[in-house]
Protein backbone atom coordinates (compact mmCIF):
# COMPACT_ATOMS: atom_id res chain seq x y z
CA MET A 1 0.01 -0.03 0.05
CA ALA A 2 1.17 3.54 -0.65
CA ALA A 3 3.01 5.13 2.27
CA THR A 4 0.59 8.06 2.20
CA ASP A 5 -2.23 5.69 3.31
CA PHE A 6 -0.84 5.48 6.81
CA LYS A 7 -1.73 8.15 9.42
CA ASP A 8 0.57 8.58 12.42
CA TYR A 9 -2.05 9.06 15.41
CA TYR A 10 0.80 9.77 17.84
CA SER A 11 2.19 12.76 15.68
CA ILE A 12 -1.38 13.98 15.15
CA LEU A 13 -1.84 14.18 18.95
CA GLY A 14 1.64 15.43 19.55
CA VAL A 15 2.45 12.43 21.95
CA SER A 16 5.22 9.83 21.86
CA LYS A 17 4.47 6.18 21.18
CA THR A 18 4.95 5.33 24.83
CA ALA A 19 2.52 8.05 26.08
CA SER A 20 0.32 7.01 29.01
CA PRO A 21 -3.63 7.04 28.65
CA GLU A 22 -3.52 10.14 30.71
CA GLU A 23 -1.07 11.99 28.47
CA ILE A 24 -3.12 10.96 25.41
CA LYS A 25 -6.31 12.29 27.05
CA LYS A 26 -4.78 15.51 28.08
CA ALA A 27 -3.19 16.12 24.46
CA PHE A 28 -6.56 15.40 22.81
CA ARG A 29 -8.71 17.73 25.17
CA LYS A 30 -6.00 20.51 24.27
CA LEU A 31 -6.36 20.13 20.58
CA ALA A 32 -10.03 19.52 20.57
CA ARG A 33 -10.64 22.74 22.19
CA GLN A 34 -8.42 24.48 19.80
CA TYR A 35 -10.04 22.95 16.65
CA HIS A 36 -13.54 22.56 17.85
CA PRO A 37 -16.20 23.62 15.25
CA ASP A 38 -17.97 25.78 17.73
CA VAL A 39 -14.79 27.72 18.39
CA ASN A 40 -13.97 27.75 14.51
CA PRO A 41 -17.29 28.23 12.78
CA GLY A 42 -17.06 27.98 9.02
CA ASN A 43 -13.50 26.90 9.15
CA LYS A 44 -13.16 23.90 7.02
CA GLN A 45 -9.44 23.24 7.94
CA ALA A 46 -10.14 23.46 11.69
CA GLU A 47 -13.16 20.92 11.10
CA ALA A 48 -10.96 18.46 9.31
CA ARG A 49 -8.34 18.77 11.87
CA PHE A 50 -10.89 18.32 14.89
CA LYS A 51 -12.07 14.96 13.03
CA GLU A 52 -8.44 13.86 12.52
CA VAL A 53 -7.77 14.49 16.26
CA SER A 54 -10.98 12.75 17.33
CA GLU A 55 -10.14 9.81 15.06
CA ALA A 56 -6.74 9.55 16.75
CA TYR A 57 -8.00 9.63 20.22
CA GLU A 58 -10.74 7.20 19.50
CA VAL A 59 -8.02 4.63 18.51
CA LEU A 60 -5.27 5.39 20.92
CA SER A 61 -7.55 5.73 24.04
CA ASP A 62 -8.73 2.04 23.72
CA ALA A 63 -6.10 -0.37 24.74
CA ASP A 64 -7.11 -3.06 22.33
CA LYS A 65 -7.46 -0.72 19.31
CA ARG A 66 -4.27 0.77 20.13
CA LYS A 67 -2.51 -2.49 20.22
CA LYS A 68 -3.87 -3.38 16.83
CA TYR A 69 -2.99 -0.02 15.38
CA ASP A 70 0.63 -0.45 16.57
CA GLN A 71 0.86 -3.91 15.14
CA PHE A 72 -0.57 -2.35 11.64
CA GLY A 73 2.09 0.28 11.79
CA GLN A 74 4.90 -2.15 12.29
CA TYR A 75 3.27 -4.27 9.29
CA TRP A 76 3.23 -1.27 7.10
CA LYS A 77 6.76 -0.30 7.58
CA GLN A 78 7.98 -3.74 6.97
CA ALA A 79 5.73 -3.91 3.80
CA GLY A 80 7.09 -0.66 2.64
CA ALA A 81 10.53 -2.10 3.07
CA GLY A 82 9.77 -5.01 0.89
CA PHE A 83 10.21 -7.76 3.56
CA PRO A 84 10.15 -11.39 2.51
CA GLY A 85 6.79 -13.15 2.43
CA GLY A 86 4.61 -10.66 0.58
CA PRO A 87 0.80 -10.83 1.26
CA GLY A 88 -0.31 -12.91 4.05
CA VAL A 89 2.56 -11.99 6.49
CA ASP A 90 1.35 -12.76 10.12
CA MET A 91 1.92 -10.28 12.65
CA GLY A 92 1.31 -11.61 16.16
CA GLY A 93 -1.53 -13.92 14.99
CA PHE A 94 -3.04 -11.26 12.87
CA ASP A 95 -2.93 -10.91 9.02
CA PHE A 96 -2.80 -7.39 8.14
CA SER A 97 -2.22 -7.95 4.43
CA GLN A 98 -6.05 -8.60 3.97
CA TYR A 99 -6.49 -4.85 3.96
CA GLY A 100 -5.99 -2.95 0.70
CA SER A 101 -5.44 0.42 2.43
CA PHE A 102 -5.16 1.93 5.90
CA ASP A 103 -8.62 3.37 5.56
CA ASP A 104 -9.99 -0.31 5.28
CA PHE A 105 -8.17 -1.20 8.48
CA ILE A 106 -9.49 1.74 10.41
CA ASN A 107 -12.94 1.54 8.99
CA GLU A 108 -13.09 -2.06 10.46
CA LEU A 109 -11.38 -1.35 13.70
CA LEU A 110 -13.83 1.55 14.53
CA GLY A 111 -16.88 -0.24 13.12
CA ARG A 112 -17.67 2.16 10.50
CA PHE A 113 -18.07 -0.49 7.76
CA GLY A 114 -18.20 -4.19 7.67
CA GLY A 115 -14.48 -4.13 6.69
CA PRO A 116 -12.53 -4.22 3.44
CA THR A 117 -14.38 -4.01 0.38
CA PRO A 118 -14.13 -6.78 -2.27
CA GLY A 119 -10.91 -6.84 -4.27
CA ALA A 120 -7.41 -8.18 -4.62
CA GLY A 121 -6.11 -9.15 -1.25
CA ARG A 122 -9.23 -8.07 0.53
CA ARG A 123 -11.99 -9.96 2.34
CA SER A 124 -15.48 -9.76 1.01
CA TYR A 125 -18.88 -10.16 2.55
CA SER A 126 -21.55 -12.08 1.07
CA SER A 127 -24.33 -9.66 2.41
CA SER A 128 -25.84 -7.39 -0.16
CA TYR A 129 -25.09 -4.59 2.34
CA SER A 130 -21.43 -4.75 1.99
CA ASN A 131 -21.09 -1.62 -0.23
CA TYR A 132 -22.51 0.78 2.22
CA ARG A 133 -20.83 4.16 2.20
CA THR A 134 -20.54 7.10 4.58
CA THR A 135 -21.46 10.49 3.44
CA PRO A 136 -20.78 13.57 5.42
CA GLY A 137 -23.76 15.30 6.70
CA GLY A 138 -25.70 17.12 9.57
CA PRO A 139 -29.35 17.48 10.43
CA GLY A 140 -31.22 16.43 7.24
CA GLY A 141 -28.10 15.36 5.46
CA PHE A 142 -26.37 11.93 4.71
CA GLY A 143 -25.34 10.62 8.00
CA ASP A 144 -22.15 8.81 8.97
CA PHE A 145 -22.78 5.12 9.54
CA GLY A 146 -21.06 1.76 9.07
CA PHE A 147 -22.17 -1.64 8.32
CA GLN A 148 -21.49 -4.83 10.51
CA ASP A 149 -22.43 -8.05 8.76
CA MET A 150 -24.35 -10.09 10.94
CA GLY A 151 -23.77 -13.41 8.88
CA ALA A 152 -26.43 -15.70 7.92
CA SER A 153 -28.60 -15.04 11.03
CA ARG A 154 -32.08 -16.76 11.04
CA ASN A 155 -33.87 -13.46 10.90
CA GLN A 156 -31.49 -11.82 8.48
CA ASP A 157 -31.26 -8.68 10.74
CA SER A 158 -28.08 -6.51 10.45
CA GLU A 159 -26.45 -3.80 12.52
CA ALA A 160 -24.89 -0.56 11.62
CA VAL A 161 -23.05 2.14 13.40
CA ILE A 162 -24.28 5.85 13.11
CA SER A 163 -21.94 8.52 14.25
CA LEU A 164 -23.51 11.68 15.86
CA ASN A 165 -22.09 14.60 17.58
CA PHE A 166 -23.35 15.76 20.94
CA ALA A 167 -25.88 18.43 19.51
CA GLU A 168 -27.36 15.86 17.19
CA ALA A 169 -27.62 13.34 20.05
CA PHE A 170 -28.89 15.79 22.62
CA HIS A 171 -31.74 17.54 20.40
CA GLY A 172 -32.46 14.53 18.01
CA VAL A 173 -31.94 14.65 14.45
CA GLN A 174 -33.12 13.34 11.11
CA LYS A 175 -30.61 11.61 9.01
CA SER A 176 -30.77 10.35 5.31
CA LEU A 177 -28.83 7.29 5.07
CA ARG A 178 -27.66 5.59 1.79
CA LEU A 179 -28.05 1.88 1.53
CA GLY A 180 -26.32 0.95 -1.62
CA GLN A 181 -28.78 2.49 -4.28
CA GLU A 182 -31.52 3.16 -1.61
CA VAL A 183 -31.84 6.30 0.72
CA ILE A 184 -33.80 6.05 3.90
CA ASP A 185 -34.62 8.86 6.33
CA VAL A 186 -34.13 7.91 9.73
CA ARG A 187 -35.32 10.16 12.88
CA ILE A 188 -32.86 9.81 15.85
CA PRO A 189 -34.77 10.80 19.01
CA ALA A 190 -33.31 13.29 21.52
CA GLY A 191 -31.13 11.65 24.22
CA ALA A 192 -29.36 9.04 22.12
CA LYS A 193 -25.97 7.95 23.71
CA THR A 194 -23.17 5.61 22.78
CA GLY A 195 -24.60 2.09 22.74
CA SER A 196 -28.18 3.28 21.86
CA LYS A 197 -30.00 1.23 19.33
CA LEU A 198 -32.61 2.23 16.95
CA ARG A 199 -34.69 -0.37 14.96
CA VAL A 200 -35.43 0.37 11.27
CA ARG A 201 -37.87 -2.31 10.24
CA GLY A 202 -37.58 -4.06 6.96
CA LYS A 203 -34.33 -2.54 6.05
CA GLY A 204 -32.09 -5.39 6.59
CA PRO A 205 -30.56 -8.04 4.30
CA LEU A 206 -33.00 -10.18 2.07
CA ASN A 207 -33.71 -13.58 3.54
CA PRO A 208 -33.38 -15.90 0.60
CA LEU A 209 -35.79 -18.47 1.94
CA THR A 210 -38.82 -16.16 2.95
CA LYS A 211 -37.86 -13.51 0.26
CA GLN A 212 -38.50 -10.95 3.15
CA ARG A 213 -36.00 -8.30 4.50
CA GLY A 214 -34.91 -8.39 8.10
CA ASP A 215 -34.44 -5.30 10.24
CA LEU A 216 -31.52 -2.88 10.42
CA TYR A 217 -30.35 -1.79 13.89
CA LEU A 218 -28.62 1.42 14.13
CA LYS A 219 -26.12 1.64 17.03
CA VAL A 220 -25.27 5.16 18.13
CA GLU A 221 -21.64 6.22 18.52
CA LEU A 222 -21.08 9.62 20.16
CA GLN A 223 -18.23 11.64 18.66
CA PRO A 224 -15.92 12.96 21.48
CA HIS A 225 -16.75 16.50 22.93
CA SER A 226 -14.07 18.97 24.18
CA PHE A 227 -16.10 19.73 27.45
CA PHE A 228 -18.86 17.10 28.09
CA GLN A 229 -18.32 13.51 28.86
CA PHE A 230 -20.36 10.67 30.32
CA GLU A 231 -19.85 8.66 33.39
CA GLY A 232 -22.41 6.15 33.20
CA ASP A 233 -25.80 7.88 32.65
CA ASN A 234 -24.45 11.18 34.00
CA LEU A 235 -23.31 14.15 32.05
CA VAL A 236 -20.09 15.44 33.51
CA CYS A 237 -17.70 18.36 32.96
CA GLU A 238 -14.72 19.92 34.69
CA VAL A 239 -14.44 23.60 35.30
CA PRO A 240 -11.30 25.53 36.55
CA ILE A 241 -11.50 27.86 39.37
CA THR A 242 -8.88 29.97 40.93
CA PRO A 243 -7.51 29.74 44.58
CA ASP A 244 -9.31 32.74 45.88
CA GLU A 245 -12.67 31.58 44.40
CA ALA A 246 -12.14 28.16 46.06
CA THR A 247 -11.32 29.87 49.38
CA LEU A 248 -13.79 32.61 49.59
CA GLY A 249 -16.63 31.10 47.36
CA ALA A 250 -17.79 32.65 44.08
CA SER A 251 -20.67 32.78 41.46
CA ILE A 252 -19.47 31.30 37.86
CA ASP A 253 -21.05 30.53 34.61
CA VAL A 254 -21.05 26.93 33.68
CA PRO A 255 -22.07 25.65 30.32
CA THR A 256 -24.85 23.09 29.93
CA PRO A 257 -26.11 21.40 26.74
CA ASP A 258 -28.78 24.30 26.26
CA GLY A 259 -26.85 27.29 27.50
CA SER A 260 -24.88 28.64 30.48
CA VAL A 261 -26.24 28.68 34.08
CA ASN A 262 -24.94 30.45 37.11
CA VAL A 263 -23.47 28.23 39.75
CA LYS A 264 -22.74 29.41 43.25
CA LEU A 265 -19.35 27.86 44.57
CA PRO A 266 -19.40 27.39 48.43
CA ALA A 267 -16.45 28.68 50.32
CA GLY A 268 -13.87 26.06 50.91
CA VAL A 269 -14.68 24.08 48.01
CA ARG A 270 -11.99 21.52 47.26
CA SER A 271 -10.34 20.37 43.87
CA GLY A 272 -12.08 17.39 42.49
CA GLN A 273 -15.28 18.01 44.46
CA SER A 274 -18.58 17.80 42.19
CA LEU A 275 -21.54 20.00 42.25
CA ARG A 276 -24.85 18.56 40.84
CA LEU A 277 -26.99 20.75 38.39
CA ARG A 278 -30.24 19.04 38.79
CA GLY A 279 -32.14 18.71 35.41
CA LYS A 280 -29.44 20.04 33.34
CA GLY A 281 -28.07 16.65 32.08
CA TRP A 282 -29.01 14.37 29.25
CA PRO A 283 -32.54 13.88 28.02
CA GLN A 284 -34.01 10.56 29.62
CA PRO A 285 -36.37 8.27 27.76
CA LYS A 286 -39.20 8.73 30.32
CA ASP A 287 -38.04 11.03 33.21
CA GLY A 288 -37.26 14.41 31.47
CA ARG A 289 -33.62 15.39 31.87
CA GLY A 290 -30.81 13.79 33.97
CA ASP A 291 -28.36 15.66 36.16
CA GLN A 292 -25.09 17.41 35.07
CA PHE A 293 -22.02 17.06 37.42
CA VAL A 294 -19.67 19.81 37.47
CA LYS A 295 -16.16 18.72 38.63
CA VAL A 296 -14.11 21.47 40.25
CA ALA A 297 -10.30 21.95 39.52
CA ILE A 298 -8.41 24.48 41.28
CA VAL A 299 -5.89 26.13 38.93
CA PRO A 300 -3.16 28.38 40.38
CA PRO A 301 -2.16 31.33 38.31
CA LYS A 302 1.07 30.72 36.17
CA ASP A 303 2.00 34.32 35.55
CA LEU A 304 1.69 36.64 38.49
CA SER A 305 1.79 40.46 38.45
CA SER A 306 4.20 42.00 40.98
CA GLN A 307 1.11 43.15 43.13
CA GLU A 308 -0.38 39.64 42.98
CA ARG A 309 2.99 38.11 44.04
CA GLU A 310 3.26 40.55 46.99
CA TYR A 311 -0.13 39.66 48.20
CA TYR A 312 0.36 35.89 47.84
CA GLU A 313 3.50 36.41 49.90
CA LYS A 314 1.60 38.32 52.64
CA ILE A 315 -1.16 35.55 52.85
CA ARG A 316 1.72 32.90 53.29
CA ALA A 317 3.34 34.87 55.86
CA ILE A 318 0.21 35.14 57.98
CA ARG A 319 -1.57 31.87 57.13
CA THR A 320 -2.46 29.79 60.19
CA TYR A 321 -4.07 26.82 58.48
CA ASP A 322 -1.73 23.90 57.65
CA PRO A 323 -3.35 21.20 55.44
CA ARG A 324 -0.65 18.80 56.28
CA SER A 325 -0.68 18.90 59.86
CA HIS A 326 -2.27 15.57 60.23
CA LEU A 327 0.63 13.92 58.24
CA GLN A 328 2.90 14.31 61.32
CA ARG A 329 1.07 11.40 62.93
CA VAL A 330 1.45 9.08 59.98
CA LYS A 331 3.82 6.14 60.60
CA LEU A 332 4.23 2.42 59.51
């Protein structure tokens, strides 16, 4: 395959190949904030960069996917050097030569498609849905989705992955999906999350015995967001505050899915402490909205003015509180 096919996700995120999960997460958050479409409206280059960064994080943040990606990278380098054996070379029990391109490998790894399309050196699927394609789009446009062959199941159902951003999943969206030569409109209800499934009746593969089509199950996959995340069913975020706000208390604005709200910080709030915003979380199927949890992170200033430094030094000189006093009693 061409050398230009391979994408170095470590370089894209600006981390080393030995980076820890925490370093990868930190690098992604920084780049996601920088290139997020909401921060760069109408900037196609930033949008493309955001998608590239999100794809890199999706692969490297998952231990199993990262392992396979690293193995594939090793295979690609050896293939480019013309190693003996040619197609069919085994890398740790896995034959990477079955992929005609890097995109084939990534599409299968991320579940976007059923895998490599038919062709020389590639696997082919017998299902009539093996030629599904992904077309970019937003509300009302062609949605991103991938096909997963379910094999010769008795009811001939199939499953596809549909990728949504947080706004589409929160508000609900209508997508036009292309199934070969057929285009169908699908309404995704508000409140979809990664793992949510939507049944589309009669749009699965044709059963050769009954001559009837099975059902298509759309499995939702949320694109990473630079600010919001999920912990179980709860929507969570992290908000930085200053040492004086933590000590004295403060009133701050916090983003929620449908706009900012004013939140009162109690005096003495600790770094890592979470505040609950009732009814400001993700839509629930039957119970309205869930809660949003705001995790507080105390961030000291990096650049102090001379006056700020003077006052911090005065506070240190007169401070009576010692948060480590109890450590004197610690012993084995």
